[in-house]
mmCIF file of all heavy atoms, coordinates in Angstrom:
data_MODEL
# 
_entry.id   MODEL 
# 
loop_
_atom_site.group_PDB 
_atom_site.id 
_atom_site.type_symbol 
_atom_site.label_atom_id 
_atom_site.label_alt_id 
_atom_site.label_comp_id 
_atom_site.label_asym_id 
_atom_site.label_entity_id 
_atom_site.label_seq_id 
_atom_site.pdbx_PDB_ins_code 
_atom_site.Cartn_x 
_atom_site.Cartn_y 
_atom_site.Cartn_z 
_atom_site.occupancy 
_atom_site.B_iso_or_equiv 
_atom_site.pdbx_formal_charge 
_atom_site.auth_seq_id 
_atom_site.auth_comp_id 
_atom_site.auth_asym_id 
_atom_site.auth_atom_id 
_atom_site.pdbx_PDB_model_num 
ATOM 1   N N   . GLY A 1 1  ? 2.349   -0.647  6.380  1.00 0.00 ? 1  GLY A N   1 
ATOM 2   C CA  . GLY A 1 1  ? 2.002   -0.115  5.074  1.00 0.00 ? 1  GLY A CA  1 
ATOM 3   C C   . GLY A 1 1  ? 1.009   -0.992  4.333  1.00 0.00 ? 1  GLY A C   1 
ATOM 4   O O   . GLY A 1 1  ? 0.099   -0.505  3.668  1.00 0.00 ? 1  GLY A O   1 
ATOM 5   N N   . VAL A 1 2  ? 1.160   -2.294  4.455  1.00 0.00 ? 2  VAL A N   1 
ATOM 6   C CA  . VAL A 1 2  ? 0.244   -3.241  3.805  1.00 0.00 ? 2  VAL A CA  1 
ATOM 7   C C   . VAL A 1 2  ? -1.152  -3.130  4.417  1.00 0.00 ? 2  VAL A C   1 
ATOM 8   O O   . VAL A 1 2  ? -2.157  -3.081  3.701  1.00 0.00 ? 2  VAL A O   1 
ATOM 9   C CB  . VAL A 1 2  ? 0.792   -4.683  3.899  1.00 0.00 ? 2  VAL A CB  1 
ATOM 10  C CG1 . VAL A 1 2  ? -0.240  -5.707  3.473  1.00 0.00 ? 2  VAL A CG1 1 
ATOM 11  C CG2 . VAL A 1 2  ? 2.067   -4.817  3.072  1.00 0.00 ? 2  VAL A CG2 1 
ATOM 12  N N   . GLU A 1 3  ? -1.238  -3.081  5.735  1.00 0.00 ? 3  GLU A N   1 
ATOM 13  C CA  . GLU A 1 3  ? -2.546  -2.948  6.398  1.00 0.00 ? 3  GLU A CA  1 
ATOM 14  C C   . GLU A 1 3  ? -3.221  -1.635  6.027  1.00 0.00 ? 3  GLU A C   1 
ATOM 15  O O   . GLU A 1 3  ? -4.416  -1.606  5.706  1.00 0.00 ? 3  GLU A O   1 
ATOM 16  C CB  . GLU A 1 3  ? -2.380  -3.032  7.916  1.00 0.00 ? 3  GLU A CB  1 
ATOM 17  C CG  . GLU A 1 3  ? -1.947  -4.397  8.408  1.00 0.00 ? 3  GLU A CG  1 
ATOM 18  C CD  . GLU A 1 3  ? -1.527  -4.387  9.872  1.00 0.00 ? 3  GLU A CD  1 
ATOM 19  O OE1 . GLU A 1 3  ? -0.827  -3.437  10.308 1.00 0.00 ? 3  GLU A OE1 1 
ATOM 20  O OE2 . GLU A 1 3  ? -1.906  -5.333  10.572 1.00 0.00 ? 3  GLU A OE2 1 
ATOM 21  N N   . VAL A 1 4  ? -2.457  -0.560  6.049  1.00 0.00 ? 4  VAL A N   1 
ATOM 22  C CA  . VAL A 1 4  ? -3.008  0.754   5.709  1.00 0.00 ? 4  VAL A CA  1 
ATOM 23  C C   . VAL A 1 4  ? -3.523  0.747   4.267  1.00 0.00 ? 4  VAL A C   1 
ATOM 24  O O   . VAL A 1 4  ? -4.618  1.225   3.983  1.00 0.00 ? 4  VAL A O   1 
ATOM 25  C CB  . VAL A 1 4  ? -1.952  1.870   5.897  1.00 0.00 ? 4  VAL A CB  1 
ATOM 26  C CG1 . VAL A 1 4  ? -2.419  3.172   5.278  1.00 0.00 ? 4  VAL A CG1 1 
ATOM 27  C CG2 . VAL A 1 4  ? -1.643  2.063   7.368  1.00 0.00 ? 4  VAL A CG2 1 
ATOM 28  N N   . THR A 1 5  ? -2.723  0.206   3.354  1.00 0.00 ? 5  THR A N   1 
ATOM 29  C CA  . THR A 1 5  ? -3.119  0.183   1.945  1.00 0.00 ? 5  THR A CA  1 
ATOM 30  C C   . THR A 1 5  ? -4.422  -0.573  1.749  1.00 0.00 ? 5  THR A C   1 
ATOM 31  O O   . THR A 1 5  ? -5.324  -0.095  1.051  1.00 0.00 ? 5  THR A O   1 
ATOM 32  C CB  . THR A 1 5  ? -2.016  -0.434  1.072  1.00 0.00 ? 5  THR A CB  1 
ATOM 33  O OG1 . THR A 1 5  ? -0.813  0.320   1.249  1.00 0.00 ? 5  THR A OG1 1 
ATOM 34  C CG2 . THR A 1 5  ? -2.403  -0.440  -0.395 1.00 0.00 ? 5  THR A CG2 1 
ATOM 35  N N   . SER A 1 6  ? -4.546  -1.727  2.354  1.00 0.00 ? 6  SER A N   1 
ATOM 36  C CA  . SER A 1 6  ? -5.791  -2.504  2.236  1.00 0.00 ? 6  SER A CA  1 
ATOM 37  C C   . SER A 1 6  ? -6.991  -1.698  2.710  1.00 0.00 ? 6  SER A C   1 
ATOM 38  O O   . SER A 1 6  ? -8.043  -1.688  2.062  1.00 0.00 ? 6  SER A O   1 
ATOM 39  C CB  . SER A 1 6  ? -5.690  -3.800  3.037  1.00 0.00 ? 6  SER A CB  1 
ATOM 40  O OG  . SER A 1 6  ? -4.693  -4.628  2.493  1.00 0.00 ? 6  SER A OG  1 
ATOM 41  N N   . LEU A 1 7  ? -6.845  -1.002  3.819  1.00 0.00 ? 7  LEU A N   1 
ATOM 42  C CA  . LEU A 1 7  ? -7.945  -0.192  4.356  1.00 0.00 ? 7  LEU A CA  1 
ATOM 43  C C   . LEU A 1 7  ? -8.236  1.027   3.476  1.00 0.00 ? 7  LEU A C   1 
ATOM 44  O O   . LEU A 1 7  ? -9.400  1.336   3.209  1.00 0.00 ? 7  LEU A O   1 
ATOM 45  C CB  . LEU A 1 7  ? -7.626  0.248   5.784  1.00 0.00 ? 7  LEU A CB  1 
ATOM 46  C CG  . LEU A 1 7  ? -7.580  -0.872  6.823  1.00 0.00 ? 7  LEU A CG  1 
ATOM 47  C CD1 . LEU A 1 7  ? -6.973  -0.368  8.125  1.00 0.00 ? 7  LEU A CD1 1 
ATOM 48  C CD2 . LEU A 1 7  ? -8.966  -1.453  7.051  1.00 0.00 ? 7  LEU A CD2 1 
ATOM 49  N N   . ILE A 1 8  ? -7.202  1.693   3.018  1.00 0.00 ? 8  ILE A N   1 
ATOM 50  C CA  . ILE A 1 8  ? -7.369  2.871   2.157  1.00 0.00 ? 8  ILE A CA  1 
ATOM 51  C C   . ILE A 1 8  ? -8.088  2.474   0.870  1.00 0.00 ? 8  ILE A C   1 
ATOM 52  O O   . ILE A 1 8  ? -9.013  3.155   0.422  1.00 0.00 ? 8  ILE A O   1 
ATOM 53  C CB  . ILE A 1 8  ? -6.003  3.518   1.806  1.00 0.00 ? 8  ILE A CB  1 
ATOM 54  C CG1 . ILE A 1 8  ? -5.354  4.137   3.035  1.00 0.00 ? 8  ILE A CG1 1 
ATOM 55  C CG2 . ILE A 1 8  ? -6.137  4.535   0.666  1.00 0.00 ? 8  ILE A CG2 1 
ATOM 56  C CD1 . ILE A 1 8  ? -5.951  5.421   3.522  1.00 0.00 ? 8  ILE A CD1 1 
ATOM 57  N N   . LYS A 1 9  ? -7.674  1.385   0.259  1.00 0.00 ? 9  LYS A N   1 
ATOM 58  C CA  . LYS A 1 9  ? -8.258  0.983   -1.014 1.00 0.00 ? 9  LYS A CA  1 
ATOM 59  C C   . LYS A 1 9  ? -9.726  0.590   -0.867 1.00 0.00 ? 9  LYS A C   1 
ATOM 60  O O   . LYS A 1 9  ? -10.485 0.702   -1.818 1.00 0.00 ? 9  LYS A O   1 
ATOM 61  C CB  . LYS A 1 9  ? -7.452  -0.154  -1.663 1.00 0.00 ? 9  LYS A CB  1 
ATOM 62  C CG  . LYS A 1 9  ? -6.041  0.239   -2.069 1.00 0.00 ? 9  LYS A CG  1 
ATOM 63  C CD  . LYS A 1 9  ? -5.944  1.564   -2.803 1.00 0.00 ? 9  LYS A CD  1 
ATOM 64  C CE  . LYS A 1 9  ? -6.306  1.509   -4.245 1.00 0.00 ? 9  LYS A CE  1 
ATOM 65  N NZ  . LYS A 1 9  ? -6.130  2.798   -4.947 1.00 0.00 ? 9  LYS A NZ  1 
ATOM 66  N N   . ARG A 1 10 ? -10.130 0.158   0.311  1.00 0.00 ? 10 ARG A N   1 
ATOM 67  C CA  . ARG A 1 10 ? -11.556 -0.140  0.552  1.00 0.00 ? 10 ARG A CA  1 
ATOM 68  C C   . ARG A 1 10 ? -12.373 1.135   0.684  1.00 0.00 ? 10 ARG A C   1 
ATOM 69  O O   . ARG A 1 10 ? -13.468 1.237   0.154  1.00 0.00 ? 10 ARG A O   1 
ATOM 70  C CB  . ARG A 1 10 ? -11.722 -0.981  1.809  1.00 0.00 ? 10 ARG A CB  1 
ATOM 71  C CG  . ARG A 1 10 ? -11.438 -2.428  1.578  1.00 0.00 ? 10 ARG A CG  1 
ATOM 72  C CD  . ARG A 1 10 ? -11.845 -3.256  2.787  1.00 0.00 ? 10 ARG A CD  1 
ATOM 73  N NE  . ARG A 1 10 ? -10.780 -4.217  3.006  1.00 0.00 ? 10 ARG A NE  1 
ATOM 74  C CZ  . ARG A 1 10 ? -10.322 -4.594  4.162  1.00 0.00 ? 10 ARG A CZ  1 
ATOM 75  N NH1 . ARG A 1 10 ? -10.824 -4.121  5.282  1.00 0.00 ? 10 ARG A NH1 1 
ATOM 76  N NH2 . ARG A 1 10 ? -9.350  -5.475  4.244  1.00 0.00 ? 10 ARG A NH2 1 
ATOM 77  N N   . GLY A 1 11 ? -11.840 2.111   1.423  1.00 0.00 ? 11 GLY A N   1 
ATOM 78  C CA  . GLY A 1 11 ? -12.596 3.323   1.718  1.00 0.00 ? 11 GLY A CA  1 
ATOM 79  C C   . GLY A 1 11 ? -12.381 4.473   0.753  1.00 0.00 ? 11 GLY A C   1 
ATOM 80  O O   . GLY A 1 11 ? -13.296 5.258   0.515  1.00 0.00 ? 11 GLY A O   1 
ATOM 81  N N   . LEU A 1 12 ? -11.179 4.590   0.209  1.00 0.00 ? 12 LEU A N   1 
ATOM 82  C CA  . LEU A 1 12 ? -10.844 5.698   -0.695 1.00 0.00 ? 12 LEU A CA  1 
ATOM 83  C C   . LEU A 1 12 ? -10.081 5.149   -1.910 1.00 0.00 ? 12 LEU A C   1 
ATOM 84  O O   . LEU A 1 12 ? -8.890  5.399   -2.086 1.00 0.00 ? 12 LEU A O   1 
ATOM 85  C CB  . LEU A 1 12 ? -9.983  6.736   0.039  1.00 0.00 ? 12 LEU A CB  1 
ATOM 86  C CG  . LEU A 1 12 ? -10.630 7.422   1.245  1.00 0.00 ? 12 LEU A CG  1 
ATOM 87  C CD1 . LEU A 1 12 ? -9.591  8.122   2.103  1.00 0.00 ? 12 LEU A CD1 1 
ATOM 88  C CD2 . LEU A 1 12 ? -11.700 8.392   0.775  1.00 0.00 ? 12 LEU A CD2 1 
ATOM 89  N N   . PRO A 1 13 ? -10.766 4.367   -2.746 1.00 0.00 ? 13 PRO A N   1 
ATOM 90  C CA  . PRO A 1 13 ? -10.069 3.666   -3.832 1.00 0.00 ? 13 PRO A CA  1 
ATOM 91  C C   . PRO A 1 13 ? -9.418  4.576   -4.871 1.00 0.00 ? 13 PRO A C   1 
ATOM 92  O O   . PRO A 1 13 ? -8.544  4.138   -5.605 1.00 0.00 ? 13 PRO A O   1 
ATOM 93  C CB  . PRO A 1 13 ? -11.164 2.807   -4.464 1.00 0.00 ? 13 PRO A CB  1 
ATOM 94  C CG  . PRO A 1 13 ? -12.444 3.480   -4.098 1.00 0.00 ? 13 PRO A CG  1 
ATOM 95  C CD  . PRO A 1 13 ? -12.198 4.126   -2.755 1.00 0.00 ? 13 PRO A CD  1 
ATOM 96  N N   . GLN A 1 14 ? -9.815  5.838   -4.933 1.00 0.00 ? 14 GLN A N   1 
ATOM 97  C CA  . GLN A 1 14 ? -9.240  6.767   -5.912 1.00 0.00 ? 14 GLN A CA  1 
ATOM 98  C C   . GLN A 1 14 ? -7.829  7.195   -5.544 1.00 0.00 ? 14 GLN A C   1 
ATOM 99  O O   . GLN A 1 14 ? -7.089  7.670   -6.401 1.00 0.00 ? 14 GLN A O   1 
ATOM 100 C CB  . GLN A 1 14 ? -10.151 7.991   -6.093 1.00 0.00 ? 14 GLN A CB  1 
ATOM 101 C CG  . GLN A 1 14 ? -10.137 8.973   -4.923 1.00 0.00 ? 14 GLN A CG  1 
ATOM 102 C CD  . GLN A 1 14 ? -11.025 8.583   -3.737 1.00 0.00 ? 14 GLN A CD  1 
ATOM 103 O OE1 . GLN A 1 14 ? -11.544 7.476   -3.665 1.00 0.00 ? 14 GLN A OE1 1 
ATOM 104 N NE2 . GLN A 1 14 ? -11.189 9.508   -2.805 1.00 0.00 ? 14 GLN A NE2 1 
ATOM 105 N N   . ILE A 1 15 ? -7.432  7.008   -4.302 1.00 0.00 ? 15 ILE A N   1 
ATOM 106 C CA  . ILE A 1 15 ? -6.082  7.393   -3.878 1.00 0.00 ? 15 ILE A CA  1 
ATOM 107 C C   . ILE A 1 15 ? -5.083  6.355   -4.384 1.00 0.00 ? 15 ILE A C   1 
ATOM 108 O O   . ILE A 1 15 ? -5.272  5.154   -4.205 1.00 0.00 ? 15 ILE A O   1 
ATOM 109 C CB  . ILE A 1 15 ? -5.990  7.517   -2.340 1.00 0.00 ? 15 ILE A CB  1 
ATOM 110 C CG1 . ILE A 1 15 ? -6.892  8.657   -1.847 1.00 0.00 ? 15 ILE A CG1 1 
ATOM 111 C CG2 . ILE A 1 15 ? -4.545  7.754   -1.901 1.00 0.00 ? 15 ILE A CG2 1 
ATOM 112 C CD1 . ILE A 1 15 ? -6.945  8.799   -0.337 1.00 0.00 ? 15 ILE A CD1 1 
ATOM 113 N N   . GLN A 1 16 ? -4.015  6.847   -5.004 1.00 0.00 ? 16 GLN A N   1 
ATOM 114 C CA  . GLN A 1 16 ? -2.945  5.978   -5.482 1.00 0.00 ? 16 GLN A CA  1 
ATOM 115 C C   . GLN A 1 16 ? -1.943  5.782   -4.344 1.00 0.00 ? 16 GLN A C   1 
ATOM 116 O O   . GLN A 1 16 ? -1.392  6.755   -3.841 1.00 0.00 ? 16 GLN A O   1 
ATOM 117 C CB  . GLN A 1 16 ? -2.251  6.593   -6.701 1.00 0.00 ? 16 GLN A CB  1 
ATOM 118 C CG  . GLN A 1 16 ? -3.170  6.816   -7.876 1.00 0.00 ? 16 GLN A CG  1 
ATOM 119 C CD  . GLN A 1 16 ? -3.756  5.523   -8.398 1.00 0.00 ? 16 GLN A CD  1 
ATOM 120 O OE1 . GLN A 1 16 ? -3.073  4.512   -8.517 1.00 0.00 ? 16 GLN A OE1 1 
ATOM 121 N NE2 . GLN A 1 16 ? -5.040  5.542   -8.702 1.00 0.00 ? 16 GLN A NE2 1 
ATOM 122 N N   . VAL A 1 17 ? -1.744  4.543   -3.945 1.00 0.00 ? 17 VAL A N   1 
ATOM 123 C CA  . VAL A 1 17 ? -0.816  4.237   -2.855 1.00 0.00 ? 17 VAL A CA  1 
ATOM 124 C C   . VAL A 1 17 ? 0.459   3.644   -3.445 1.00 0.00 ? 17 VAL A C   1 
ATOM 125 O O   . VAL A 1 17 ? 0.411   2.666   -4.191 1.00 0.00 ? 17 VAL A O   1 
ATOM 126 C CB  . VAL A 1 17 ? -1.433  3.255   -1.838 1.00 0.00 ? 17 VAL A CB  1 
ATOM 127 C CG1 . VAL A 1 17 ? -0.434  2.936   -0.727 1.00 0.00 ? 17 VAL A CG1 1 
ATOM 128 C CG2 . VAL A 1 17 ? -2.722  3.819   -1.260 1.00 0.00 ? 17 VAL A CG2 1 
ATOM 129 N N   . VAL A 1 18 ? 1.579   4.260   -3.098 1.00 0.00 ? 18 VAL A N   1 
ATOM 130 C CA  . VAL A 1 18 ? 2.895   3.790   -3.514 1.00 0.00 ? 18 VAL A CA  1 
ATOM 131 C C   . VAL A 1 18 ? 3.641   3.391   -2.255 1.00 0.00 ? 18 VAL A C   1 
ATOM 132 O O   . VAL A 1 18 ? 3.858   4.203   -1.364 1.00 0.00 ? 18 VAL A O   1 
ATOM 133 C CB  . VAL A 1 18 ? 3.677   4.890   -4.270 1.00 0.00 ? 18 VAL A CB  1 
ATOM 134 C CG1 . VAL A 1 18 ? 5.068   4.394   -4.648 1.00 0.00 ? 18 VAL A CG1 1 
ATOM 135 C CG2 . VAL A 1 18 ? 2.898   5.355   -5.497 1.00 0.00 ? 18 VAL A CG2 1 
ATOM 136 N N   . ILE A 1 19 ? 3.993   2.119   -2.172 1.00 0.00 ? 19 ILE A N   1 
ATOM 137 C CA  . ILE A 1 19 ? 4.697   1.592   -1.005 1.00 0.00 ? 19 ILE A CA  1 
ATOM 138 C C   . ILE A 1 19 ? 6.197   1.840   -1.166 1.00 0.00 ? 19 ILE A C   1 
ATOM 139 O O   . ILE A 1 19 ? 6.766   1.604   -2.238 1.00 0.00 ? 19 ILE A O   1 
ATOM 140 C CB  . ILE A 1 19 ? 4.444   0.079   -0.829 1.00 0.00 ? 19 ILE A CB  1 
ATOM 141 C CG1 . ILE A 1 19 ? 2.960   -0.216  -0.698 1.00 0.00 ? 19 ILE A CG1 1 
ATOM 142 C CG2 . ILE A 1 19 ? 5.265   -0.479  0.324  1.00 0.00 ? 19 ILE A CG2 1 
ATOM 143 C CD1 . ILE A 1 19 ? 2.383   -0.144  0.674  1.00 0.00 ? 19 ILE A CD1 1 
ATOM 144 N N   . LEU A 1 20 ? 6.822   2.318   -0.102 1.00 0.00 ? 20 LEU A N   1 
ATOM 145 C CA  . LEU A 1 20 ? 8.262   2.562   -0.079 1.00 0.00 ? 20 LEU A CA  1 
ATOM 146 C C   . LEU A 1 20 ? 8.953   1.410   0.647  1.00 0.00 ? 20 LEU A C   1 
ATOM 147 O O   . LEU A 1 20 ? 8.672   1.152   1.816  1.00 0.00 ? 20 LEU A O   1 
ATOM 148 C CB  . LEU A 1 20 ? 8.559   3.886   0.625  1.00 0.00 ? 20 LEU A CB  1 
ATOM 149 C CG  . LEU A 1 20 ? 7.864   5.120   0.042  1.00 0.00 ? 20 LEU A CG  1 
ATOM 150 C CD1 . LEU A 1 20 ? 8.150   6.347   0.902  1.00 0.00 ? 20 LEU A CD1 1 
ATOM 151 C CD2 . LEU A 1 20 ? 8.293   5.343   -1.393 1.00 0.00 ? 20 LEU A CD2 1 
ATOM 152 N N   . LEU A 1 21 ? 9.809   0.721   -0.076 1.00 0.00 ? 21 LEU A N   1 
ATOM 153 C CA  . LEU A 1 21 ? 10.542  -0.419  0.480  1.00 0.00 ? 21 LEU A CA  1 
ATOM 154 C C   . LEU A 1 21 ? 11.975  -0.022  0.816  1.00 0.00 ? 21 LEU A C   1 
ATOM 155 O O   . LEU A 1 21 ? 12.586  0.777   0.112  1.00 0.00 ? 21 LEU A O   1 
ATOM 156 C CB  . LEU A 1 21 ? 10.585  -1.570  -0.529 1.00 0.00 ? 21 LEU A CB  1 
ATOM 157 C CG  . LEU A 1 21 ? 9.259   -2.165  -0.986 1.00 0.00 ? 21 LEU A CG  1 
ATOM 158 C CD1 . LEU A 1 21 ? 9.497   -3.196  -2.086 1.00 0.00 ? 21 LEU A CD1 1 
ATOM 159 C CD2 . LEU A 1 21 ? 8.526   -2.795  0.183  1.00 0.00 ? 21 LEU A CD2 1 
ATOM 160 N N   . ASP A 1 22 ? 12.496  -0.620  1.897  1.00 0.00 ? 22 ASP A N   1 
ATOM 161 C CA  . ASP A 1 22 ? 13.907  -0.424  2.225  1.00 0.00 ? 22 ASP A CA  1 
ATOM 162 C C   . ASP A 1 22 ? 14.784  -1.140  1.202  1.00 0.00 ? 22 ASP A C   1 
ATOM 163 O O   . ASP A 1 22 ? 15.846  -0.651  0.834  1.00 0.00 ? 22 ASP A O   1 
ATOM 164 C CB  . ASP A 1 22 ? 14.214  -0.944  3.632  1.00 0.00 ? 22 ASP A CB  1 
ATOM 165 C CG  . ASP A 1 22 ? 13.561  -0.087  4.708  1.00 0.00 ? 22 ASP A CG  1 
ATOM 166 O OD1 . ASP A 1 22 ? 13.439  1.137   4.508  1.00 0.00 ? 22 ASP A OD1 1 
ATOM 167 O OD2 . ASP A 1 22 ? 13.158  -0.644  5.748  1.00 0.00 ? 22 ASP A OD2 1 
ATOM 168 N N   . GLU A 1 23 ? 14.337  -2.309  0.773  1.00 0.00 ? 23 GLU A N   1 
ATOM 169 C CA  . GLU A 1 23 ? 15.054  -3.098  -0.231 1.00 0.00 ? 23 GLU A CA  1 
ATOM 170 C C   . GLU A 1 23 ? 14.047  -3.955  -0.983 1.00 0.00 ? 23 GLU A C   1 
ATOM 171 O O   . GLU A 1 23 ? 12.939  -4.199  -0.502 1.00 0.00 ? 23 GLU A O   1 
ATOM 172 C CB  . GLU A 1 23 ? 16.116  -3.983  0.417  1.00 0.00 ? 23 GLU A CB  1 
ATOM 173 C CG  . GLU A 1 23 ? 15.542  -4.971  1.409  1.00 0.00 ? 23 GLU A CG  1 
ATOM 174 C CD  . GLU A 1 23 ? 16.605  -5.798  2.102  1.00 0.00 ? 23 GLU A CD  1 
ATOM 175 O OE1 . GLU A 1 23 ? 17.673  -5.249  2.439  1.00 0.00 ? 23 GLU A OE1 1 
ATOM 176 O OE2 . GLU A 1 23 ? 16.363  -6.991  2.303  1.00 0.00 ? 23 GLU A OE2 1 
ATOM 177 N N   . GLU A 1 24 ? 14.432  -4.382  -2.166 1.00 0.00 ? 24 GLU A N   1 
ATOM 178 C CA  . GLU A 1 24 ? 13.566  -5.214  -2.989 1.00 0.00 ? 24 GLU A CA  1 
ATOM 179 C C   . GLU A 1 24 ? 13.753  -6.671  -2.608 1.00 0.00 ? 24 GLU A C   1 
ATOM 180 O O   . GLU A 1 24 ? 14.866  -7.188  -2.684 1.00 0.00 ? 24 GLU A O   1 
ATOM 181 C CB  . GLU A 1 24 ? 13.961  -5.031  -4.463 1.00 0.00 ? 24 GLU A CB  1 
ATOM 182 C CG  . GLU A 1 24 ? 12.866  -4.553  -5.323 1.00 0.00 ? 24 GLU A CG  1 
ATOM 183 C CD  . GLU A 1 24 ? 13.341  -4.197  -6.716 1.00 0.00 ? 24 GLU A CD  1 
ATOM 184 O OE1 . GLU A 1 24 ? 14.532  -3.925  -6.920 1.00 0.00 ? 24 GLU A OE1 1 
ATOM 185 O OE2 . GLU A 1 24 ? 12.480  -4.181  -7.585 1.00 0.00 ? 24 GLU A OE2 1 
ATOM 186 N N   . ASN A 1 25 ? 12.677  -7.327  -2.200 1.00 0.00 ? 25 ASN A N   1 
ATOM 187 C CA  . ASN A 1 25 ? 12.724  -8.773  -1.980 1.00 0.00 ? 25 ASN A CA  1 
ATOM 188 C C   . ASN A 1 25 ? 11.359  -9.343  -2.337 1.00 0.00 ? 25 ASN A C   1 
ATOM 189 O O   . ASN A 1 25 ? 10.345  -8.647  -2.297 1.00 0.00 ? 25 ASN A O   1 
ATOM 190 C CB  . ASN A 1 25 ? 13.165  -9.121  -0.553 1.00 0.00 ? 25 ASN A CB  1 
ATOM 191 C CG  . ASN A 1 25 ? 12.164  -8.670  0.484  1.00 0.00 ? 25 ASN A CG  1 
ATOM 192 O OD1 . ASN A 1 25 ? 11.015  -9.120  0.496  1.00 0.00 ? 25 ASN A OD1 1 
ATOM 193 N ND2 . ASN A 1 25 ? 12.579  -7.764  1.356  1.00 0.00 ? 25 ASN A ND2 1 
ATOM 194 N N   . GLU A 1 26 ? 11.346  -10.612 -2.705 1.00 0.00 ? 26 GLU A N   1 
ATOM 195 C CA  . GLU A 1 26 ? 10.123  -11.243 -3.226 1.00 0.00 ? 26 GLU A CA  1 
ATOM 196 C C   . GLU A 1 26 ? 8.966   -11.207 -2.234 1.00 0.00 ? 26 GLU A C   1 
ATOM 197 O O   . GLU A 1 26 ? 7.823   -10.966 -2.610 1.00 0.00 ? 26 GLU A O   1 
ATOM 198 C CB  . GLU A 1 26 ? 10.411  -12.691 -3.632 1.00 0.00 ? 26 GLU A CB  1 
ATOM 199 C CG  . GLU A 1 26 ? 11.199  -12.792 -4.907 1.00 0.00 ? 26 GLU A CG  1 
ATOM 200 C CD  . GLU A 1 26 ? 11.372  -14.239 -5.336 1.00 0.00 ? 26 GLU A CD  1 
ATOM 201 O OE1 . GLU A 1 26 ? 10.407  -15.015 -5.224 1.00 0.00 ? 26 GLU A OE1 1 
ATOM 202 O OE2 . GLU A 1 26 ? 12.487  -14.572 -5.792 1.00 0.00 ? 26 GLU A OE2 1 
ATOM 203 N N   . ARG A 1 27 ? 9.230   -11.447 -0.971 1.00 0.00 ? 27 ARG A N   1 
ATOM 204 C CA  . ARG A 1 27 ? 8.166   -11.486 0.037  1.00 0.00 ? 27 ARG A CA  1 
ATOM 205 C C   . ARG A 1 27 ? 7.449   -10.136 0.140  1.00 0.00 ? 27 ARG A C   1 
ATOM 206 O O   . ARG A 1 27 ? 6.226   -10.060 0.104  1.00 0.00 ? 27 ARG A O   1 
ATOM 207 C CB  . ARG A 1 27 ? 8.749   -11.889 1.398  1.00 0.00 ? 27 ARG A CB  1 
ATOM 208 C CG  . ARG A 1 27 ? 7.733   -11.935 2.531  1.00 0.00 ? 27 ARG A CG  1 
ATOM 209 C CD  . ARG A 1 27 ? 8.377   -12.274 3.868  1.00 0.00 ? 27 ARG A CD  1 
ATOM 210 N NE  . ARG A 1 27 ? 9.511   -11.424 4.192  1.00 0.00 ? 27 ARG A NE  1 
ATOM 211 C CZ  . ARG A 1 27 ? 9.438   -10.273 4.859  1.00 0.00 ? 27 ARG A CZ  1 
ATOM 212 N NH1 . ARG A 1 27 ? 8.280   -9.825  5.281  1.00 0.00 ? 27 ARG A NH1 1 
ATOM 213 N NH2 . ARG A 1 27 ? 10.516  -9.568  5.115  1.00 0.00 ? 27 ARG A NH2 1 
# 
């Protein structure tokens, strides 16, 4: 998800990306 988001934001910055986490942790 992190790799995809970085690539999407470079090529299609208008798309809002919301990452889905299994659990909340600082890392």
